[in-house]
């Protein structure tokens, strides 16, 4: 299935968190928090300004991003969990 976000929306796939800590401790599934890191899968065309022109997004498909903890709406696409969020919910882009 192909999804195209609208306006300043971004579709993100969460990056899986590591099973072990640096010290070698294995983290059980019940103690894990959802990661706040993801990969941009699709972006919208940009936000419509007051002058009628679109402002392009700063992120693009394939970017690795950091987003706020409660950002966006979770959806399942072909059995895989994704997040729809606004560009303003994105905190940083990894280089």
Protein backbone atom coordinates (compact mmCIF):
# COMPACT_ATOMS: atom_id res chain seq x y z
CA UNK A 1 0.00 0.00 0.00
CA UNK A 2 1.31 3.46 -0.87
CA UNK A 3 0.42 6.43 1.36
CA UNK A 4 1.04 10.09 0.55
CA UNK A 5 0.93 12.46 3.56
CA UNK A 6 -0.76 15.82 3.08
CA UNK A 7 0.58 19.32 3.83
CA UNK A 8 3.31 19.32 6.53
CA UNK A 9 2.71 15.73 7.66
CA UNK A 10 5.44 13.10 7.79
CA UNK A 11 5.15 9.28 7.91
CA UNK A 12 7.80 7.75 10.21
CA UNK A 13 8.90 4.18 10.90
CA UNK A 14 10.32 3.70 14.41
CA UNK A 15 13.90 2.44 14.68
CA UNK A 16 14.17 -0.67 16.85
CA UNK A 17 15.84 -0.23 20.21
CA UNK A 18 18.78 -2.39 21.27
CA UNK A 19 18.09 -5.50 23.37
CA UNK A 20 21.20 -5.01 25.55
CA UNK A 21 22.71 -2.09 27.42
CA UNK A 22 26.37 -1.12 27.05
CA UNK A 23 27.10 -3.05 30.27
CA UNK A 24 25.63 -6.27 28.83
CA UNK A 25 22.29 -6.23 30.70
CA UNK A 26 19.42 -7.60 28.63
CA UNK A 27 16.31 -5.40 28.75
CA UNK A 28 13.00 -7.33 28.95
CA UNK A 29 10.13 -6.33 26.64
CA UNK A 30 8.02 -5.14 29.58
CA UNK A 31 10.65 -2.59 30.65
CA UNK A 32 11.25 -1.10 27.21
CA UNK A 33 9.98 2.30 26.21
CA UNK A 34 9.08 3.06 22.63
CA UNK A 35 12.04 4.65 20.86
CA UNK A 36 11.90 8.34 19.98
CA UNK A 37 14.00 7.77 16.91
CA UNK A 38 12.75 6.91 13.45
CA UNK A 39 13.23 6.95 9.70
CA UNK A 40 11.14 9.18 7.43
CA UNK A 41 9.19 6.98 5.00
CA UNK A 42 7.12 9.66 3.23
CA UNK A 43 6.58 13.43 3.40
CA UNK A 44 3.85 15.81 2.33
CA UNK A 45 4.39 18.69 -0.11
CA UNK A 46 4.77 21.31 2.66
CA UNK A 47 2.68 23.77 4.62
CA UNK A 48 0.56 26.32 2.76
CA UNK A 49 1.55 29.85 3.76
CA UNK A 50 -0.69 32.90 4.13
CA UNK A 51 0.53 34.14 0.73
CA UNK A 52 -0.74 30.98 -1.00
CA UNK A 53 2.70 29.47 -1.56
CA UNK A 54 3.91 26.17 -0.12
CA UNK A 55 6.84 26.12 2.29
CA UNK A 56 8.87 22.95 1.62
CA UNK A 57 9.72 20.62 4.51
CA UNK A 58 13.21 20.47 6.05
CA UNK A 59 13.11 16.65 6.19
CA UNK A 60 13.08 14.23 3.26
CA UNK A 61 12.50 10.52 2.77
CA UNK A 62 15.26 8.40 4.29
CA UNK A 63 16.26 10.92 7.00
CA UNK A 64 16.88 9.54 10.49
CA UNK A 65 15.06 11.78 12.98
CA UNK A 66 14.49 12.33 16.69
CA UNK A 67 10.92 13.24 17.70
CA UNK A 68 9.02 14.14 20.85
CA UNK A 69 7.74 11.33 23.06
CA UNK A 70 4.02 11.73 22.43
CA UNK A 71 4.25 12.93 18.84
CA UNK A 72 1.80 11.96 16.13
CA UNK A 73 -0.77 9.23 15.63
CA UNK A 74 0.19 5.57 15.46
CA UNK A 75 -1.17 3.54 12.54
CA UNK A 76 -0.49 0.09 11.10
CA UNK A 77 0.34 -0.27 7.41
CA UNK A 78 0.61 -3.85 6.14
CA UNK A 79 1.05 -5.03 9.76
CA UNK A 80 3.94 -2.63 10.50
CA UNK A 81 3.48 0.19 13.02
CA UNK A 82 4.15 3.72 11.67
CA UNK A 83 3.58 7.22 13.05
CA UNK A 84 1.95 10.17 11.28
CA UNK A 85 3.22 13.46 12.69
CA UNK A 86 3.59 17.09 11.83
CA UNK A 87 7.02 18.42 10.93
CA UNK A 88 6.89 20.61 14.05
CA UNK A 89 6.97 17.43 16.23
CA UNK A 90 10.43 16.56 14.85
CA UNK A 91 13.22 17.70 17.17
CA UNK A 92 16.33 16.90 15.11
CA UNK A 93 17.73 15.18 12.02
CA UNK A 94 20.77 12.90 12.40
CA UNK A 95 23.63 13.54 9.95
